[in-house]
Amino acid sequence: ISGADVVAESINRLCIWEIFGGDGIGLEWWDYIHAFNEMCNTSELFMDDDCVKSAMETAGIEYDRVGECIFEHGGLESDEQNDLLQKQLLDKESSGVVIMPVSYVNGVAVRGALEFATIFKAVCAGYASGTEPAICDTCANCSDEQKCVKDRKCVDDVKTVNVHTFAGSLISVSILFTVVGVSLFLRQRKHMRDEVRGILKEYMPVERNGLTMPEYDTALEQDDNDDFKGTFS
């Protein structure tokens, strides 16, 4: 795509805006831009007259009417100055534009990469608080603003957990920890009892208070059942 091709397409768009942009919205201009990007935005079709004409027809624009507008402003083939293009050059100088392309929102140049997200946020920020379109709130925190605007809804793959599922999972985890805790406690207590029994067997005489060792073991087991509440004498 050459510079001359870009200039020719620019004059097309300038004329379309002049014809349909009087209301400040220029819906047909936006429709044409969308159709052109979908149908003709390739190196082979960028300046293909049939493709450009089809894009204009898709947007409800008369191709010949745009051609007349271009001719009235000086055309592109003759040595005459095209006043629409000249106005753009003068506006560039008066606005202090040093790089192109550039975008303006409410007369202020948008700095940074000219990506959809940047322009979308700038346009939404240009509205007074409480007057911005609903789409600004809908897509403000969406990871893909362009897709959100196109679909009229945010389609982030953010999955929320059902309240009942969360509560059930929390209860299950609590029960699991309780069972594990009780099991560890009982295991530890048994281990402690076994250690105490071993110590007692090691240091106590074979016969004490008239009880032989097997009889004493039986007495100790009975004490275990009483949670060591028994006493020894």
C-alpha atoms as a PDB file:
ATOM      1  CA  ILE A   1       0.000   0.000   0.000  1.00  0.00           C
ATOM      2  CA  SER A   2       1.593   3.261  -1.169  1.00  0.00           C
ATOM      3  CA  GLY A   3       1.311   6.733   0.310  1.00  0.00           C
ATOM      4  CA  ALA A   4      -0.798   7.776  -2.687  1.00  0.00           C
ATOM      5  CA  ASP A   5      -3.237   4.951  -1.904  1.00  0.00           C
ATOM      6  CA  VAL A   6      -3.570   6.166   1.679  1.00  0.00           C
ATOM      7  CA  VAL A   7      -4.211   9.747   0.494  1.00  0.00           C
ATOM      8  CA  ALA A   8      -6.901   8.569  -1.949  1.00  0.00           C
ATOM      9  CA  GLU A   9      -8.697   6.556   0.724  1.00  0.00           C
ATOM     10  CA  SER A  10      -8.372   9.459   3.156  1.00  0.00           C
ATOM     11  CA  ILE A  11     -10.182  11.796   0.757  1.00  0.00           C
ATOM     12  CA  ASN A  12     -12.939   9.186   0.394  1.00  0.00           C
ATOM     13  CA  ARG A  13     -13.457   9.216   4.140  1.00  0.00           C
ATOM     14  CA  LEU A  14     -13.263  12.993   4.396  1.00  0.00           C
ATOM     15  CA  CYS A  15     -16.010  13.350   1.807  1.00  0.00           C
ATOM     16  CA  ILE A  16     -18.174  10.719   3.477  1.00  0.00           C
ATOM     17  CA  TRP A  17     -17.869  12.636   6.738  1.00  0.00           C
ATOM     18  CA  GLU A  18     -18.668  15.902   4.994  1.00  0.00           C
ATOM     19  CA  ILE A  19     -21.830  14.357   3.551  1.00  0.00           C
ATOM     20  CA  PHE A  20     -23.059  12.451   6.603  1.00  0.00           C
ATOM     21  CA  GLY A  21     -21.231  13.928   9.587  1.00  0.00           C
ATOM     22  CA  GLY A  22     -23.284  17.066   9.988  1.00  0.00           C
ATOM     23  CA  ASP A  23     -25.062  15.603  13.018  1.00  0.00           C
ATOM     24  CA  GLY A  24     -21.744  15.016  14.774  1.00  0.00           C
ATOM     25  CA  ILE A  25     -22.247  11.251  14.671  1.00  0.00           C
ATOM     26  CA  GLY A  26     -21.959  10.292  11.017  1.00  0.00           C
ATOM     27  CA  LEU A  27     -23.321   6.763  11.382  1.00  0.00           C
ATOM     28  CA  GLU A  28     -22.728   6.025   7.683  1.00  0.00           C
ATOM     29  CA  TRP A  29     -19.061   6.984   8.096  1.00  0.00           C
ATOM     30  CA  TRP A  30     -18.656   4.446  10.881  1.00  0.00           C
ATOM     31  CA  ASP A  31     -20.504   1.817   8.869  1.00  0.00           C
ATOM     32  CA  TYR A  32     -18.207   2.426   5.920  1.00  0.00           C
ATOM     33  CA  ILE A  33     -15.063   2.189   8.049  1.00  0.00           C
ATOM     34  CA  HIS A  34     -16.313  -1.110   9.450  1.00  0.00           C
ATOM     35  CA  ALA A  35     -17.235  -2.463   6.015  1.00  0.00           C
ATOM     36  CA  PHE A  36     -13.933  -1.314   4.473  1.00  0.00           C
ATOM     37  CA  ASN A  37     -11.887  -2.964   7.208  1.00  0.00           C
ATOM     38  CA  GLU A  38     -13.841  -6.176   6.775  1.00  0.00           C
ATOM     39  CA  MET A  39     -13.777  -6.258   2.979  1.00  0.00           C
ATOM     40  CA  CYS A  40     -10.911  -4.197   1.579  1.00  0.00           C
ATOM     41  CA  ASN A  41      -8.188  -3.745   4.174  1.00  0.00           C
ATOM     42  CA  THR A  42      -5.554  -5.776   2.308  1.00  0.00           C
ATOM     43  CA  SER A  43      -2.724  -4.768  -0.006  1.00  0.00           C
ATOM     44  CA  GLU A  44      -4.582  -6.319  -2.950  1.00  0.00           C
ATOM     45  CA  LEU A  45      -7.981  -4.715  -2.338  1.00  0.00           C
ATOM     46  CA  PHE A  46      -7.110  -1.454  -0.570  1.00  0.00           C
ATOM     47  CA  MET A  47      -7.542   0.613  -3.743  1.00  0.00           C
ATOM     48  CA  ASP A  48      -9.720  -1.788  -5.704  1.00  0.00           C
ATOM     49  CA  ASP A  49     -12.611   0.345  -6.970  1.00  0.00           C
ATOM     50  CA  ASP A  50     -15.076  -2.535  -6.949  1.00  0.00           C
ATOM     51  CA  CYS A  51     -14.243  -3.397  -3.332  1.00  0.00           C
ATOM     52  CA  VAL A  52     -14.452   0.231  -2.205  1.00  0.00           C
ATOM     53  CA  LYS A  53     -17.751   0.617  -4.017  1.00  0.00           C
ATOM     54  CA  SER A  54     -19.135  -2.521  -2.355  1.00  0.00           C
ATOM     55  CA  ALA A  55     -18.069  -1.230   1.061  1.00  0.00           C
ATOM     56  CA  MET A  56     -19.873   2.063   0.418  1.00  0.00           C
ATOM     57  CA  GLU A  57     -23.017   0.267  -0.747  1.00  0.00           C
ATOM     58  CA  THR A  58     -22.919  -1.875   2.404  1.00  0.00           C
ATOM     59  CA  ALA A  59     -22.874   1.325   4.457  1.00  0.00           C
ATOM     60  CA  GLY A  60     -25.737   2.851   2.443  1.00  0.00           C
ATOM     61  CA  ILE A  61     -23.517   5.402   0.676  1.00  0.00           C
ATOM     62  CA  GLU A  62     -23.738   6.355  -2.994  1.00  0.00           C
ATOM     63  CA  TYR A  63     -20.360   5.818  -4.618  1.00  0.00           C
ATOM     64  CA  ASP A  64     -20.967   8.481  -7.277  1.00  0.00           C
ATOM     65  CA  ARG A  65     -21.931  11.051  -4.641  1.00  0.00           C
ATOM     66  CA  VAL A  66     -18.582  10.592  -2.926  1.00  0.00           C
ATOM     67  CA  GLY A  67     -16.825  10.913  -6.283  1.00  0.00           C
ATOM     68  CA  GLU A  68     -18.621  14.226  -6.927  1.00  0.00           C
ATOM     69  CA  CYS A  69     -17.511  15.489  -3.504  1.00  0.00           C
ATOM     70  CA  ILE A  70     -13.889  14.673  -4.274  1.00  0.00           C
ATOM     71  CA  PHE A  71     -14.119  16.406  -7.658  1.00  0.00           C
ATOM     72  CA  GLU A  72     -15.740  19.516  -6.152  1.00  0.00           C
ATOM     73  CA  HIS A  73     -12.860  19.912  -3.713  1.00  0.00           C
ATOM     74  CA  GLY A  74     -10.183  19.700  -6.385  1.00  0.00           C
ATOM     75  CA  GLY A  75      -9.974  16.000  -7.167  1.00  0.00           C
ATOM     76  CA  LEU A  76      -6.792  13.930  -7.071  1.00  0.00           C
ATOM     77  CA  GLU A  77      -5.689  13.784 -10.690  1.00  0.00           C
ATOM     78  CA  SER A  78      -5.286  17.433 -11.653  1.00  0.00           C
ATOM     79  CA  ASP A  79      -2.658  19.935 -10.544  1.00  0.00           C
ATOM     80  CA  GLU A  80      -5.285  21.810  -8.541  1.00  0.00           C
ATOM     81  CA  GLN A  81      -5.061  21.886  -4.801  1.00  0.00           C
ATOM     82  CA  ASN A  82      -7.585  19.694  -3.005  1.00  0.00           C
ATOM     83  CA  ASP A  83      -8.941  21.965  -0.309  1.00  0.00           C
ATOM     84  CA  LEU A  84     -10.109  19.100   1.928  1.00  0.00           C
ATOM     85  CA  LEU A  85      -6.593  17.673   2.056  1.00  0.00           C
ATOM     86  CA  GLN A  86      -5.090  21.134   2.424  1.00  0.00           C
ATOM     87  CA  LYS A  87      -7.336  21.807   5.404  1.00  0.00           C
ATOM     88  CA  GLN A  88      -6.070  18.638   7.019  1.00  0.00           C
ATOM     89  CA  LEU A  89      -2.473  19.814   6.582  1.00  0.00           C
ATOM     90  CA  LEU A  90      -3.286  23.206   8.079  1.00  0.00           C
ATOM     91  CA  ASP A  91      -5.095  21.594  11.002  1.00  0.00           C
ATOM     92  CA  LYS A  92      -2.078  19.369  11.560  1.00  0.00           C
ATOM     93  CA  GLU A  93       0.207  22.380  11.833  1.00  0.00           C
ATOM     94  CA  SER A  94      -2.131  24.403  14.049  1.00  0.00           C
ATOM     95  CA  SER A  95      -2.682  21.475  16.383  1.00  0.00           C
ATOM     96  CA  GLY A  96       1.012  20.782  16.755  1.00  0.00           C
ATOM     97  CA  VAL A  97       0.759  17.233  15.464  1.00  0.00           C
ATOM     98  CA  VAL A  98       4.246  15.855  14.958  1.00  0.00           C
ATOM     99  CA  ILE A  99       3.437  12.194  14.371  1.00  0.00           C
ATOM    100  CA  MET A 100       0.686  10.512  12.435  1.00  0.00           C
ATOM    101  CA  PRO A 101      -1.742   8.925  12.746  1.00  0.00           C
ATOM    102  CA  VAL A 102      -3.056  10.735  15.803  1.00  0.00           C
ATOM    103  CA  SER A 103      -6.425  10.768  17.498  1.00  0.00           C
ATOM    104  CA  TYR A 104      -8.174  13.628  19.280  1.00  0.00           C
ATOM    105  CA  VAL A 105     -10.864  13.365  21.945  1.00  0.00           C
ATOM    106  CA  ASN A 106     -12.605  16.613  22.892  1.00  0.00           C
ATOM    107  CA  GLY A 107      -9.821  18.515  21.142  1.00  0.00           C
ATOM    108  CA  VAL A 108      -7.056  16.824  23.135  1.00  0.00           C
ATOM    109  CA  ALA A 109      -4.531  14.552  21.462  1.00  0.00           C
ATOM    110  CA  VAL A 110      -4.548  10.985  22.749  1.00  0.00           C
ATOM    111  CA  ARG A 111      -1.031   9.999  23.730  1.00  0.00           C
ATOM    112  CA  GLY A 112       0.270   6.473  23.590  1.00  0.00           C
ATOM    113  CA  ALA A 113      -0.312   3.597  21.202  1.00  0.00           C
ATOM    114  CA  LEU A 114      -3.410   4.051  19.050  1.00  0.00           C
ATOM    115  CA  GLU A 115      -4.979   0.801  20.147  1.00  0.00           C
ATOM    116  CA  PHE A 116      -8.673   0.219  20.660  1.00  0.00           C
ATOM    117  CA  ALA A 117      -8.369   0.065  24.441  1.00  0.00           C
ATOM    118  CA  THR A 118      -6.559   3.419  24.560  1.00  0.00           C
ATOM    119  CA  ILE A 119      -9.109   5.216  22.386  1.00  0.00           C
ATOM    120  CA  PHE A 120     -12.065   3.553  24.123  1.00  0.00           C
ATOM    121  CA  LYS A 121     -10.892   4.658  27.563  1.00  0.00           C
ATOM    122  CA  ALA A 122     -10.167   8.179  26.293  1.00  0.00           C
ATOM    123  CA  VAL A 123     -13.630   8.539  24.734  1.00  0.00           C
ATOM    124  CA  CYS A 124     -15.368   7.251  27.876  1.00  0.00           C
ATOM    125  CA  ALA A 125     -13.268   9.553  30.059  1.00  0.00           C
ATOM    126  CA  GLY A 126     -14.381  12.506  27.928  1.00  0.00           C
ATOM    127  CA  TYR A 127     -17.956  12.299  29.247  1.00  0.00           C
ATOM    128  CA  ALA A 128     -19.060  14.143  32.344  1.00  0.00           C
ATOM    129  CA  SER A 129     -19.574  11.886  35.329  1.00  0.00           C
ATOM    130  CA  GLY A 130     -22.945  10.153  35.131  1.00  0.00           C
ATOM    131  CA  THR A 131     -23.457  10.889  31.421  1.00  0.00           C
ATOM    132  CA  GLU A 132     -21.199   8.224  29.890  1.00  0.00           C
ATOM    133  CA  PRO A 133     -22.859   5.490  27.781  1.00  0.00           C
ATOM    134  CA  ALA A 134     -23.680   2.225  29.522  1.00  0.00           C
ATOM    135  CA  ILE A 135     -21.118   0.423  27.367  1.00  0.00           C
ATOM    136  CA  CYS A 136     -18.355   2.361  29.147  1.00  0.00           C
ATOM    137  CA  ASP A 137     -19.328   0.818  32.493  1.00  0.00           C
ATOM    138  CA  THR A 138     -19.926  -2.615  30.971  1.00  0.00           C
ATOM    139  CA  CYS A 139     -16.497  -2.848  29.378  1.00  0.00           C
ATOM    140  CA  ALA A 140     -14.421  -0.649  31.693  1.00  0.00           C
ATOM    141  CA  ASN A 141     -12.722  -3.561  33.455  1.00  0.00           C
ATOM    142  CA  CYS A 142     -12.937  -6.131  30.668  1.00  0.00           C
ATOM    143  CA  SER A 143      -9.652  -7.613  29.465  1.00  0.00           C
ATOM    144  CA  ASP A 144     -10.744  -7.309  25.808  1.00  0.00           C
ATOM    145  CA  GLU A 145     -12.620  -4.019  25.423  1.00  0.00           C
ATOM    146  CA  GLN A 146     -12.978  -4.378  21.651  1.00  0.00           C
ATOM    147  CA  LYS A 147     -14.720  -7.744  21.884  1.00  0.00           C
ATOM    148  CA  CYS A 148     -16.806  -6.457  24.780  1.00  0.00           C
ATOM    149  CA  VAL A 149     -18.033  -3.462  22.755  1.00  0.00           C
ATOM    150  CA  LYS A 150     -18.751  -5.698  19.768  1.00  0.00           C
ATOM    151  CA  ASP A 151     -20.673  -8.278  21.824  1.00  0.00           C
ATOM    152  CA  ARG A 152     -22.226  -5.708  24.171  1.00  0.00           C
ATOM    153  CA  LYS A 153     -21.035  -7.758  27.139  1.00  0.00           C
ATOM    154  CA  CYS A 154     -17.809  -8.732  28.843  1.00  0.00           C
ATOM    155  CA  VAL A 155     -16.811 -12.279  28.009  1.00  0.00           C
ATOM    156  CA  ASP A 156     -13.833 -12.714  30.319  1.00  0.00           C
ATOM    157  CA  ASP A 157     -13.256 -16.349  31.300  1.00  0.00           C
ATOM    158  CA  VAL A 158     -13.693 -15.554  34.950  1.00  0.00           C
ATOM    159  CA  LYS A 159     -15.518 -18.386  36.664  1.00  0.00           C
ATOM    160  CA  THR A 160     -17.244 -17.676  39.948  1.00  0.00           C
ATOM    161  CA  VAL A 161     -17.808 -20.313  42.611  1.00  0.00           C
ATOM    162  CA  ASN A 162     -21.372 -21.117  43.596  1.00  0.00           C
ATOM    163  CA  VAL A 163     -22.139 -20.131  47.186  1.00  0.00           C
ATOM    164  CA  HIS A 164     -23.476 -23.589  48.054  1.00  0.00           C
ATOM    165  CA  THR A 165     -20.465 -25.263  46.457  1.00  0.00           C
ATOM    166  CA  PHE A 166     -18.113 -23.023  48.405  1.00  0.00           C
ATOM    167  CA  ALA A 167     -19.951 -23.665  51.687  1.00  0.00           C
ATOM    168  CA  GLY A 168     -19.997 -27.410  51.056  1.00  0.00           C
ATOM    169  CA  SER A 169     -16.290 -27.435  50.262  1.00  0.00           C
ATOM    170  CA  LEU A 170     -15.521 -25.421  53.384  1.00  0.00           C
ATOM    171  CA  ILE A 171     -17.524 -27.813  55.582  1.00  0.00           C
ATOM    172  CA  SER A 172     -15.857 -30.839  53.963  1.00  0.00           C
ATOM    173  CA  VAL A 173     -12.408 -29.422  54.581  1.00  0.00           C
ATOM    174  CA  SER A 174     -13.340 -28.599  58.187  1.00  0.00           C
ATOM    175  CA  ILE A 175     -14.570 -32.159  58.773  1.00  0.00           C
ATOM    176  CA  LEU A 176     -11.421 -33.577  57.171  1.00  0.00           C
ATOM    177  CA  PHE A 177      -9.160 -31.497  59.403  1.00  0.00           C
ATOM    178  CA  THR A 178     -11.234 -32.450  62.453  1.00  0.00           C
ATOM    179  CA  VAL A 179     -10.949 -36.177  61.676  1.00  0.00           C
ATOM    180  CA  VAL A 180      -7.215 -35.875  61.051  1.00  0.00           C
ATOM    181  CA  GLY A 181      -6.775 -33.873  64.252  1.00  0.00           C
ATOM    182  CA  VAL A 182      -8.689 -36.361  66.376  1.00  0.00           C
ATOM    183  CA  SER A 183      -6.809 -39.273  64.814  1.00  0.00           C
ATOM    184  CA  LEU A 184      -3.461 -37.637  65.559  1.00  0.00           C
ATOM    185  CA  PHE A 185      -4.564 -36.858  69.118  1.00  0.00           C
ATOM    186  CA  LEU A 186      -5.651 -40.461  69.789  1.00  0.00           C
ATOM    187  CA  ARG A 187      -2.486 -41.804  68.192  1.00  0.00           C
ATOM    188  CA  GLN A 188      -0.338 -39.494  70.279  1.00  0.00           C
ATOM    189  CA  ARG A 189      -2.171 -40.422  73.471  1.00  0.00           C
ATOM    190  CA  LYS A 190      -1.749 -44.137  72.758  1.00  0.00           C
ATOM    191  CA  HIS A 191       1.918 -43.563  72.057  1.00  0.00           C
ATOM    192  CA  MET A 192       2.317 -41.745  75.370  1.00  0.00           C
ATOM    193  CA  ARG A 193       0.539 -44.542  77.249  1.00  0.00           C
ATOM    194  CA  ASP A 194       2.796 -47.130  75.635  1.00  0.00           C
ATOM    195  CA  GLU A 195       5.839 -45.150  76.692  1.00  0.00           C
ATOM    196  CA  VAL A 196       4.559 -44.817  80.262  1.00  0.00           C
ATOM    197  CA  ARG A 197       3.799 -48.545  80.378  1.00  0.00           C
ATOM    198  CA  GLY A 198       7.311 -49.317  79.139  1.00  0.00           C
ATOM    199  CA  ILE A 199       8.895 -47.088  81.746  1.00  0.00           C
ATOM    200  CA  LEU A 200       6.830 -48.594  84.522  1.00  0.00           C
ATOM    201  CA  LYS A 201       7.712 -52.135  83.443  1.00  0.00           C
ATOM    202  CA  GLU A 202      11.398 -51.223  83.359  1.00  0.00           C
ATOM    203  CA  TYR A 203      11.652 -49.631  86.795  1.00  0.00           C
ATOM    204  CA  MET A 204       9.011 -51.358  88.886  1.00  0.00           C
ATOM    205  CA  PRO A 205       9.938 -54.551  90.775  1.00  0.00           C
ATOM    206  CA  VAL A 206       8.660 -57.890  89.602  1.00  0.00           C
ATOM    207  CA  GLU A 207       6.324 -58.072  92.558  1.00  0.00           C
ATOM    208  CA  ARG A 208       4.808 -55.041  94.215  1.00  0.00           C
ATOM    209  CA  ASN A 209       2.045 -54.852  96.742  1.00  0.00           C
ATOM    210  CA  GLY A 210       1.382 -58.507  96.283  1.00  0.00           C
ATOM    211  CA  LEU A 211       0.923 -58.270  92.493  1.00  0.00           C
ATOM    212  CA  THR A 212       3.051 -60.143  90.018  1.00  0.00           C
ATOM    213  CA  MET A 213       4.018 -58.386  86.743  1.00  0.00           C
ATOM    214  CA  PRO A 214       1.187 -59.874  84.641  1.00  0.00           C
ATOM    215  CA  GLU A 215      -1.282 -58.905  87.343  1.00  0.00           C
ATOM    216  CA  TYR A 216       0.201 -55.429  87.472  1.00  0.00           C
ATOM    217  CA  ASP A 217      -0.122 -55.047  83.693  1.00  0.00           C
ATOM    218  CA  THR A 218      -3.804 -55.879  84.027  1.00  0.00           C
ATOM    219  CA  ALA A 219      -4.193 -53.212  86.675  1.00  0.00           C
ATOM    220  CA  LEU A 220      -2.398 -50.683  84.460  1.00  0.00           C
ATOM    221  CA  GLU A 221      -4.731 -51.428  81.543  1.00  0.00           C
ATOM    222  CA  GLN A 222      -7.678 -50.789  83.838  1.00  0.00           C
ATOM    223  CA  ASP A 223      -6.126 -47.463  84.751  1.00  0.00           C
ATOM    224  CA  ASP A 224      -5.779 -46.651  81.025  1.00  0.00           C
ATOM    225  CA  ASN A 225      -9.491 -47.070  80.625  1.00  0.00           C
ATOM    226  CA  ASP A 226      -9.952 -44.501  83.387  1.00  0.00           C
ATOM    227  CA  ASP A 227      -7.648 -42.039  81.569  1.00  0.00           C
ATOM    228  CA  PHE A 228      -4.917 -42.528  84.134  1.00  0.00           C
ATOM    229  CA  LYS A 229      -7.167 -41.459  86.943  1.00  0.00           C
ATOM    230  CA  GLY A 230      -5.943 -44.419  89.048  1.00  0.00           C
ATOM    231  CA  THR A 231      -3.080 -44.114  91.502  1.00  0.00           C
ATOM    232  CA  PHE A 232      -0.277 -46.451  92.338  1.00  0.00           C
ATOM    233  CA  SER A 233       0.934 -47.321  95.793  1.00  0.00           C
END
